[in-house]
Amino acid sequence: MDKVWWWVMDIILPVVLLLALIWLVFLRRSKGSDKTTYDATKAGYAEEEERRREGTDGL
């Protein structure tokens, strides 16, 4: 029975952990398109620039 547990720990658990990590990577990937990301970044920079010009960026 000891050999079965070692086989489980040496083979099965690393495979399960690898599959879980791969699943998490795909789960956390951005779901937005490149254009959506670009537009959001551009809007964020414009808002930051506007705050800088108004002098309220330190708030």
N, C-alpha and C. Protein backbone atom coordinates (compact mmCIF):
# COMPACT_ATOMS: atom_id res chain seq x y z
N MET A 1 0.82 -1.20 0.00
CA MET A 1 0.00 0.00 0.00
C MET A 1 0.86 1.26 0.00
N ASP A 2 2.07 1.17 0.60
CA ASP A 2 2.96 2.32 0.60
C ASP A 2 3.34 2.76 -0.80
N LYS A 3 3.57 1.78 -1.67
CA LYS A 3 3.97 2.12 -3.04
C LYS A 3 2.85 2.84 -3.78
N VAL A 4 1.62 2.52 -3.46
CA VAL A 4 0.48 3.19 -4.11
C VAL A 4 0.45 4.65 -3.70
N TRP A 5 0.65 4.95 -2.41
CA TRP A 5 0.63 6.33 -1.95
C TRP A 5 1.78 7.13 -2.55
N TRP A 6 2.95 6.53 -2.65
CA TRP A 6 4.08 7.24 -3.26
C TRP A 6 3.80 7.52 -4.74
N TRP A 7 3.16 6.56 -5.41
CA TRP A 7 2.82 6.76 -6.81
C TRP A 7 1.82 7.91 -6.95
N VAL A 8 0.86 7.96 -6.04
CA VAL A 8 -0.12 9.03 -6.08
C VAL A 8 0.57 10.37 -5.85
N MET A 9 1.45 10.44 -4.86
CA MET A 9 2.13 11.70 -4.55
C MET A 9 3.13 12.10 -5.63
N ASP A 10 3.77 11.14 -6.25
CA ASP A 10 4.79 11.46 -7.26
C ASP A 10 4.22 11.72 -8.64
N ILE A 11 3.13 11.12 -8.99
CA ILE A 11 2.59 11.23 -10.35
C ILE A 11 1.28 12.03 -10.38
N ILE A 12 0.32 11.62 -9.62
CA ILE A 12 -1.02 12.18 -9.71
C ILE A 12 -1.08 13.62 -9.19
N LEU A 13 -0.54 13.89 -8.00
CA LEU A 13 -0.64 15.23 -7.43
C LEU A 13 0.06 16.29 -8.27
N PRO A 14 1.27 16.06 -8.79
CA PRO A 14 1.86 17.09 -9.66
C PRO A 14 1.03 17.35 -10.93
N VAL A 15 0.44 16.31 -11.48
CA VAL A 15 -0.40 16.49 -12.67
C VAL A 15 -1.63 17.32 -12.32
N VAL A 16 -2.25 17.04 -11.17
CA VAL A 16 -3.42 17.80 -10.75
C VAL A 16 -3.04 19.26 -10.50
N LEU A 17 -1.90 19.49 -9.84
CA LEU A 17 -1.46 20.85 -9.59
C LEU A 17 -1.15 21.59 -10.89
N LEU A 18 -0.53 20.93 -11.84
CA LEU A 18 -0.24 21.54 -13.13
C LEU A 18 -1.52 21.91 -13.86
N LEU A 19 -2.49 21.03 -13.85
CA LEU A 19 -3.78 21.33 -14.50
C LEU A 19 -4.48 22.49 -13.80
N ALA A 20 -4.40 22.56 -12.48
CA ALA A 20 -5.02 23.66 -11.75
C ALA A 20 -4.34 24.98 -12.09
N LEU A 21 -3.03 24.99 -12.20
CA LEU A 21 -2.31 26.21 -12.56
C LEU A 21 -2.64 26.66 -13.98
N ILE A 22 -2.71 25.72 -14.90
CA ILE A 22 -3.06 26.06 -16.28
C ILE A 22 -4.48 26.63 -16.32
N TRP A 23 -5.40 26.03 -15.58
CA TRP A 23 -6.78 26.52 -15.53
C TRP A 23 -6.82 27.93 -14.96
N LEU A 24 -6.06 28.21 -13.91
CA LEU A 24 -6.04 29.55 -13.33
C LEU A 24 -5.46 30.59 -14.30
N VAL A 25 -4.45 30.22 -15.03
CA VAL A 25 -3.86 31.15 -16.00
C VAL A 25 -4.88 31.51 -17.07
N PHE A 26 -5.58 30.53 -17.58
CA PHE A 26 -6.59 30.82 -18.61
C PHE A 26 -7.78 31.57 -18.02
N LEU A 27 -8.09 31.32 -16.76
CA LEU A 27 -9.20 32.01 -16.11
C LEU A 27 -8.89 33.48 -15.91
N ARG A 28 -7.65 33.83 -15.61
CA ARG A 28 -7.25 35.19 -15.31
C ARG A 28 -6.89 36.01 -16.54
N ARG A 29 -6.89 35.40 -17.70
CA ARG A 29 -6.55 36.14 -18.92
C ARG A 29 -7.59 37.20 -19.20
N SER A 30 -7.15 38.26 -19.81
CA SER A 30 -8.04 39.38 -20.12
C SER A 30 -9.10 38.95 -21.12
N LYS A 31 -10.32 39.35 -20.85
CA LYS A 31 -11.41 39.00 -21.74
C LYS A 31 -11.74 40.15 -22.70
N GLY A 32 -11.05 41.27 -22.56
CA GLY A 32 -11.30 42.41 -23.43
C GLY A 32 -10.47 42.31 -24.70
N SER A 33 -10.96 42.95 -25.73
CA SER A 33 -10.20 42.97 -26.97
C SER A 33 -9.09 44.00 -26.87
N ASP A 34 -8.20 43.99 -27.83
CA ASP A 34 -7.10 44.96 -27.83
C ASP A 34 -7.64 46.38 -27.95
N LYS A 35 -8.67 46.57 -28.77
CA LYS A 35 -9.23 47.91 -28.93
C LYS A 35 -9.86 48.39 -27.63
N THR A 36 -10.56 47.52 -26.93
CA THR A 36 -11.16 47.89 -25.65
C THR A 36 -10.09 48.30 -24.66
N THR A 37 -9.02 47.53 -24.59
CA THR A 37 -7.93 47.84 -23.68
C THR A 37 -7.26 49.15 -24.06
N TYR A 38 -7.04 49.36 -25.34
CA TYR A 38 -6.42 50.59 -25.81
C TYR A 38 -7.29 51.80 -25.48
N ASP A 39 -8.59 51.68 -25.73
CA ASP A 39 -9.50 52.80 -25.44
C ASP A 39 -9.55 53.12 -23.95
N ALA A 40 -9.57 52.10 -23.11
CA ALA A 40 -9.60 52.32 -21.67
C ALA A 40 -8.30 52.97 -21.19
N THR A 41 -7.18 52.56 -21.73
CA THR A 41 -5.90 53.15 -21.36
C THR A 41 -5.84 54.60 -21.79
N LYS A 42 -6.30 54.87 -23.01
CA LYS A 42 -6.30 56.24 -23.53
C LYS A 42 -7.18 57.13 -22.67
N ALA A 43 -8.36 56.64 -22.26
CA ALA A 43 -9.25 57.41 -21.40
C ALA A 43 -8.63 57.65 -20.03
N GLY A 44 -7.95 56.66 -19.51
CA GLY A 44 -7.28 56.82 -18.22
C GLY A 44 -6.19 57.86 -18.26
N TYR A 45 -5.40 57.85 -19.32
CA TYR A 45 -4.34 58.85 -19.48
C TYR A 45 -4.93 60.24 -19.65
N ALA A 46 -6.02 60.35 -20.40
CA ALA A 46 -6.65 61.66 -20.60
C ALA A 46 -7.18 62.20 -19.27
N GLU A 47 -7.77 61.33 -18.46
CA GLU A 47 -8.28 61.75 -17.15
C GLU A 47 -7.13 62.18 -16.24
N GLU A 48 -6.05 61.45 -16.27
CA GLU A 48 -4.87 61.80 -15.46
C GLU A 48 -4.28 63.14 -15.90
N GLU A 49 -4.20 63.34 -17.20
CA GLU A 49 -3.67 64.60 -17.72
C GLU A 49 -4.57 65.78 -17.34
N GLU A 50 -5.88 65.56 -17.38
CA GLU A 50 -6.82 66.62 -17.00
C GLU A 50 -6.65 66.98 -15.52
N ARG A 51 -6.52 65.96 -14.66
CA ARG A 51 -6.31 66.23 -13.24
C ARG A 51 -5.00 66.98 -13.01
N ARG A 52 -3.96 66.61 -13.78
CA ARG A 52 -2.66 67.27 -13.63
C ARG A 52 -2.76 68.73 -14.00
N ARG A 53 -3.48 69.02 -15.07
CA ARG A 53 -3.62 70.41 -15.51
C ARG A 53 -4.46 71.24 -14.55
N GLU A 54 -5.43 70.60 -13.89
CA GLU A 54 -6.26 71.31 -12.92
C GLU A 54 -5.55 71.47 -11.58
N GLY A 55 -4.51 70.70 -11.36
CA GLY A 55 -3.79 70.76 -10.10
C GLY A 55 -4.41 69.90 -9.01
N THR A 56 -5.28 68.97 -9.39
CA THR A 56 -5.93 68.11 -8.40
C THR A 56 -5.36 66.70 -8.41
N ASP A 57 -4.21 66.49 -9.02
CA ASP A 57 -3.66 65.15 -9.09
C ASP A 57 -3.05 64.67 -7.79
N GLY A 58 -2.80 65.56 -6.84
CA GLY A 58 -2.22 65.17 -5.57
C GLY A 58 -3.24 64.76 -4.53
N LEU A 59 -4.51 64.77 -4.89
CA LEU A 59 -5.56 64.44 -3.93
C LEU A 59 -5.69 62.95 -3.75
